[in-house]
Amino acid sequence: MSQSARHLDVIYCDDIRNEVGNKLSLMGIYTRELTIPNAPLLLPRLCIVVKVVTDFDDPFESLVVRVVKTKDGEETELLSTGLLPMPSLTDLPTRDDDTTSLLMQMQFVLSPFQIEEEATLRVKATTEREELLGMALRLRIVPPTTSPTIQ
């Protein structure tokens, strides 16, 4: 079992909607960056969907998930789950032939979310033996360009 089987999937978006049939709809998904015309800017919300995955035969013994903001190499914690309760080995579901991994999914809503300056958001998961890094979201200020006037 290699440590690389454990991973963290992160999606940043404008809204999360719970749909009929136990489905989630994610609205306004950001890829690598969120651009704004100027700062400061107050977003009504920024949502983060986090999936922490491990192999079925390698369950987490401890897990803390944090959202951090980094600016000029300095990291600020925006939120933390604290130590999450882990099921005992006897409480795990019985493995069937198709089950290969265990998944913990959580949703965070930062509301409102103030952007003061350019920075980077990242989700980190700390387990009993490693730190897993999720995809970063760069907060970038891109002033609108002005078109030259024709005279």
C-alpha atoms as a PDB file:
ATOM      1  CA  MET A   1       0.000   0.000   0.000  1.00  0.00           C
ATOM      2  CA  SER A   2       1.639   3.247  -1.096  1.00  0.00           C
ATOM      3  CA  GLN A   3       0.884   6.567   0.542  1.00  0.00           C
ATOM      4  CA  SER A   4       0.006   7.976  -2.879  1.00  0.00           C
ATOM      5  CA  ALA A   5      -3.344   6.118  -2.763  1.00  0.00           C
ATOM      6  CA  ARG A   6      -4.536   8.725  -0.267  1.00  0.00           C
ATOM      7  CA  HIS A   7      -5.615  11.968  -1.837  1.00  0.00           C
ATOM      8  CA  LEU A   8      -7.663  15.098  -1.450  1.00  0.00           C
ATOM      9  CA  ASP A   9     -10.094  16.357  -4.129  1.00  0.00           C
ATOM     10  CA  VAL A  10     -11.203  19.985  -3.866  1.00  0.00           C
ATOM     11  CA  ILE A  11     -13.737  21.993  -5.888  1.00  0.00           C
ATOM     12  CA  TYR A  12     -14.270  25.740  -5.362  1.00  0.00           C
ATOM     13  CA  CYS A  13     -17.596  27.202  -6.511  1.00  0.00           C
ATOM     14  CA  ASP A  14     -20.183  29.944  -5.999  1.00  0.00           C
ATOM     15  CA  ASP A  15     -22.975  27.736  -4.666  1.00  0.00           C
ATOM     16  CA  ILE A  16     -23.875  24.168  -3.700  1.00  0.00           C
ATOM     17  CA  ARG A  17     -27.435  22.990  -4.199  1.00  0.00           C
ATOM     18  CA  ASN A  18     -28.909  19.795  -2.791  1.00  0.00           C
ATOM     19  CA  GLU A  19     -31.062  18.173  -5.456  1.00  0.00           C
ATOM     20  CA  VAL A  20     -33.702  15.449  -5.412  1.00  0.00           C
ATOM     21  CA  GLY A  21     -32.190  11.975  -5.376  1.00  0.00           C
ATOM     22  CA  ASN A  22     -29.352  12.826  -2.985  1.00  0.00           C
ATOM     23  CA  LYS A  23     -27.454  14.746  -5.682  1.00  0.00           C
ATOM     24  CA  LEU A  24     -25.361  17.906  -5.451  1.00  0.00           C
ATOM     25  CA  SER A  25     -25.283  20.609  -8.092  1.00  0.00           C
ATOM     26  CA  LEU A  26     -22.246  22.876  -8.022  1.00  0.00           C
ATOM     27  CA  MET A  27     -22.775  26.338  -9.515  1.00  0.00           C
ATOM     28  CA  GLY A  28     -20.019  28.576 -10.829  1.00  0.00           C
ATOM     29  CA  ILE A  29     -17.049  26.215 -10.520  1.00  0.00           C
ATOM     30  CA  TYR A  30     -13.632  27.877 -10.434  1.00  0.00           C
ATOM     31  CA  THR A  31     -10.689  26.115 -12.020  1.00  0.00           C
ATOM     32  CA  ARG A  32      -7.343  27.529 -10.889  1.00  0.00           C
ATOM     33  CA  GLU A  33      -8.148  31.178 -10.257  1.00  0.00           C
ATOM     34  CA  LEU A  34     -10.859  33.573  -9.181  1.00  0.00           C
ATOM     35  CA  THR A  35     -10.397  36.986 -10.760  1.00  0.00           C
ATOM     36  CA  ILE A  36     -11.972  40.210  -9.537  1.00  0.00           C
ATOM     37  CA  PRO A  37     -11.794  43.737 -11.008  1.00  0.00           C
ATOM     38  CA  ASN A  38     -10.648  45.445  -7.804  1.00  0.00           C
ATOM     39  CA  ALA A  39     -10.234  44.933  -4.076  1.00  0.00           C
ATOM     40  CA  PRO A  40     -11.538  44.920  -1.507  1.00  0.00           C
ATOM     41  CA  LEU A  41     -14.515  42.932  -2.740  1.00  0.00           C
ATOM     42  CA  LEU A  42     -17.156  41.127  -0.716  1.00  0.00           C
ATOM     43  CA  LEU A  43     -18.462  37.906  -2.303  1.00  0.00           C
ATOM     44  CA  PRO A  44     -21.817  36.689  -0.952  1.00  0.00           C
ATOM     45  CA  ARG A  45     -20.255  33.234  -0.559  1.00  0.00           C
ATOM     46  CA  LEU A  46     -17.463  30.979  -1.629  1.00  0.00           C
ATOM     47  CA  CYS A  47     -18.175  27.258  -1.374  1.00  0.00           C
ATOM     48  CA  ILE A  48     -15.650  24.461  -1.122  1.00  0.00           C
ATOM     49  CA  VAL A  49     -16.407  20.767  -1.658  1.00  0.00           C
ATOM     50  CA  VAL A  50     -13.749  18.475  -0.173  1.00  0.00           C
ATOM     51  CA  LYS A  51     -13.354  14.725  -0.635  1.00  0.00           C
ATOM     52  CA  VAL A  52     -10.669  12.932   1.367  1.00  0.00           C
ATOM     53  CA  VAL A  53     -10.015   9.463  -0.055  1.00  0.00           C
ATOM     54  CA  THR A  54      -8.018   6.491   1.185  1.00  0.00           C
ATOM     55  CA  ASP A  55      -7.731   2.841   0.234  1.00  0.00           C
ATOM     56  CA  PHE A  56     -10.289   0.582   1.935  1.00  0.00           C
ATOM     57  CA  ASP A  57      -7.463  -1.398   3.547  1.00  0.00           C
ATOM     58  CA  ASP A  58      -5.798   1.781   4.885  1.00  0.00           C
ATOM     59  CA  PRO A  59      -8.444   3.762   6.827  1.00  0.00           C
ATOM     60  CA  PHE A  60      -7.553   7.080   8.438  1.00  0.00           C
ATOM     61  CA  GLU A  61      -6.685   6.912  12.117  1.00  0.00           C
ATOM     62  CA  SER A  62      -6.941  10.689  12.521  1.00  0.00           C
ATOM     63  CA  LEU A  63      -7.981  13.514  10.230  1.00  0.00           C
ATOM     64  CA  VAL A  64      -8.079  17.314  10.427  1.00  0.00           C
ATOM     65  CA  VAL A  65      -9.151  19.379   7.398  1.00  0.00           C
ATOM     66  CA  ARG A  66      -8.163  23.045   7.146  1.00  0.00           C
ATOM     67  CA  VAL A  67      -8.723  25.882   4.690  1.00  0.00           C
ATOM     68  CA  VAL A  68      -5.764  28.253   4.575  1.00  0.00           C
ATOM     69  CA  LYS A  69      -4.948  31.491   2.788  1.00  0.00           C
ATOM     70  CA  THR A  70      -1.356  32.200   1.758  1.00  0.00           C
ATOM     71  CA  LYS A  71       0.023  35.655   0.957  1.00  0.00           C
ATOM     72  CA  ASP A  72       3.747  36.362   0.512  1.00  0.00           C
ATOM     73  CA  GLY A  73       4.641  32.993   2.030  1.00  0.00           C
ATOM     74  CA  GLU A  74       2.608  33.648   5.195  1.00  0.00           C
ATOM     75  CA  GLU A  75      -0.212  31.196   5.892  1.00  0.00           C
ATOM     76  CA  THR A  76      -3.431  32.130   7.699  1.00  0.00           C
ATOM     77  CA  GLU A  77      -5.957  29.483   8.737  1.00  0.00           C
ATOM     78  CA  LEU A  78      -9.487  30.463   7.696  1.00  0.00           C
ATOM     79  CA  LEU A  79     -11.207  27.431   9.211  1.00  0.00           C
ATOM     80  CA  SER A  80     -10.535  23.991  10.611  1.00  0.00           C
ATOM     81  CA  THR A  81     -12.694  20.965  11.284  1.00  0.00           C
ATOM     82  CA  GLY A  82     -10.617  20.111  14.338  1.00  0.00           C
ATOM     83  CA  LEU A  83      -9.944  16.446  14.894  1.00  0.00           C
ATOM     84  CA  LEU A  84     -12.683  14.512  13.105  1.00  0.00           C
ATOM     85  CA  PRO A  85     -14.037  11.341  14.728  1.00  0.00           C
ATOM     86  CA  MET A  86     -12.869   8.241  12.893  1.00  0.00           C
ATOM     87  CA  PRO A  87     -14.884   5.009  12.873  1.00  0.00           C
ATOM     88  CA  SER A  88     -13.248   2.027  14.489  1.00  0.00           C
ATOM     89  CA  LEU A  89     -12.245  -0.824  12.190  1.00  0.00           C
ATOM     90  CA  THR A  90     -15.261  -2.806  13.388  1.00  0.00           C
ATOM     91  CA  ASP A  91     -17.589   0.071  12.410  1.00  0.00           C
ATOM     92  CA  LEU A  92     -16.431   0.190   8.787  1.00  0.00           C
ATOM     93  CA  PRO A  93     -18.819  -1.240   6.205  1.00  0.00           C
ATOM     94  CA  THR A  94     -18.224  -4.776   5.092  1.00  0.00           C
ATOM     95  CA  ARG A  95     -16.090  -4.758   1.980  1.00  0.00           C
ATOM     96  CA  ASP A  96     -17.687  -6.165  -1.132  1.00  0.00           C
ATOM     97  CA  ASP A  97     -15.857  -7.003  -4.345  1.00  0.00           C
ATOM     98  CA  ASP A  98     -16.435  -3.529  -5.843  1.00  0.00           C
ATOM     99  CA  THR A  99     -15.324  -1.448  -2.859  1.00  0.00           C
ATOM    100  CA  THR A 100     -11.805  -0.125  -3.257  1.00  0.00           C
ATOM    101  CA  SER A 101     -11.750   3.085  -1.216  1.00  0.00           C
ATOM    102  CA  LEU A 102     -13.203   4.988   1.704  1.00  0.00           C
ATOM    103  CA  LEU A 103     -14.395   8.544   1.211  1.00  0.00           C
ATOM    104  CA  MET A 104     -15.149  11.407   3.579  1.00  0.00           C
ATOM    105  CA  GLN A 105     -16.931  14.306   1.889  1.00  0.00           C
ATOM    106  CA  MET A 106     -17.554  17.712   3.408  1.00  0.00           C
ATOM    107  CA  GLN A 107     -18.764  21.107   2.276  1.00  0.00           C
ATOM    108  CA  PHE A 108     -17.619  24.503   3.521  1.00  0.00           C
ATOM    109  CA  VAL A 109     -19.385  27.787   2.882  1.00  0.00           C
ATOM    110  CA  LEU A 110     -17.448  30.978   3.536  1.00  0.00           C
ATOM    111  CA  SER A 111     -20.211  33.562   3.709  1.00  0.00           C
ATOM    112  CA  PRO A 112     -19.594  36.367   3.187  1.00  0.00           C
ATOM    113  CA  PHE A 113     -16.076  36.059   1.803  1.00  0.00           C
ATOM    114  CA  GLN A 114     -13.949  39.215   1.763  1.00  0.00           C
ATOM    115  CA  ILE A 115     -11.106  39.487  -0.730  1.00  0.00           C
ATOM    116  CA  GLU A 116      -8.685  42.159   0.413  1.00  0.00           C
ATOM    117  CA  GLU A 117      -5.700  41.372  -1.801  1.00  0.00           C
ATOM    118  CA  GLU A 118      -4.217  38.784  -4.103  1.00  0.00           C
ATOM    119  CA  ALA A 119      -3.607  35.506  -2.271  1.00  0.00           C
ATOM    120  CA  THR A 120      -3.986  31.737  -2.612  1.00  0.00           C
ATOM    121  CA  LEU A 121      -6.555  29.474  -0.940  1.00  0.00           C
ATOM    122  CA  ARG A 122      -5.774  25.819  -0.318  1.00  0.00           C
ATOM    123  CA  VAL A 123      -7.338  22.912   1.556  1.00  0.00           C
ATOM    124  CA  LYS A 124      -5.012  20.731   3.615  1.00  0.00           C
ATOM    125  CA  ALA A 125      -5.806  17.440   5.328  1.00  0.00           C
ATOM    126  CA  THR A 126      -3.534  16.254   8.118  1.00  0.00           C
ATOM    127  CA  THR A 127      -3.683  12.539   8.900  1.00  0.00           C
ATOM    128  CA  GLU A 128      -1.826  10.355  11.369  1.00  0.00           C
ATOM    129  CA  ARG A 129       1.138  10.133   8.990  1.00  0.00           C
ATOM    130  CA  GLU A 130       0.992  12.807   6.287  1.00  0.00           C
ATOM    131  CA  GLU A 131      -0.378  16.079   5.016  1.00  0.00           C
ATOM    132  CA  LEU A 132      -2.503  15.930   1.869  1.00  0.00           C
ATOM    133  CA  LEU A 133      -2.739  19.056  -0.292  1.00  0.00           C
ATOM    134  CA  GLY A 134      -5.760  19.940  -2.393  1.00  0.00           C
ATOM    135  CA  MET A 135      -5.814  22.074  -5.502  1.00  0.00           C
ATOM    136  CA  ALA A 136      -5.117  25.750  -4.808  1.00  0.00           C
ATOM    137  CA  LEU A 137      -7.352  28.637  -5.872  1.00  0.00           C
ATOM    138  CA  ARG A 138      -5.502  31.815  -6.736  1.00  0.00           C
ATOM    139  CA  LEU A 139      -7.343  35.040  -5.855  1.00  0.00           C
ATOM    140  CA  ARG A 140      -6.280  37.517  -8.517  1.00  0.00           C
ATOM    141  CA  ILE A 141      -7.082  41.176  -9.117  1.00  0.00           C
ATOM    142  CA  VAL A 142      -7.365  41.987 -12.823  1.00  0.00           C
ATOM    143  CA  PRO A 143      -8.570  45.560 -13.422  1.00  0.00           C
ATOM    144  CA  PRO A 144     -10.816  45.904 -16.445  1.00  0.00           C
ATOM    145  CA  THR A 145      -9.046  47.225 -19.489  1.00  0.00           C
ATOM    146  CA  THR A 146     -10.229  50.484 -20.897  1.00  0.00           C
ATOM    147  CA  SER A 147     -10.788  50.717 -24.598  1.00  0.00           C
ATOM    148  CA  PRO A 148      -9.182  53.649 -26.341  1.00  0.00           C
ATOM    149  CA  THR A 149     -11.683  56.207 -27.414  1.00  0.00           C
ATOM    150  CA  ILE A 150     -11.993  57.008 -31.105  1.00  0.00           C
ATOM    151  CA  GLN A 151     -12.046  60.691 -31.877  1.00  0.00           C
END
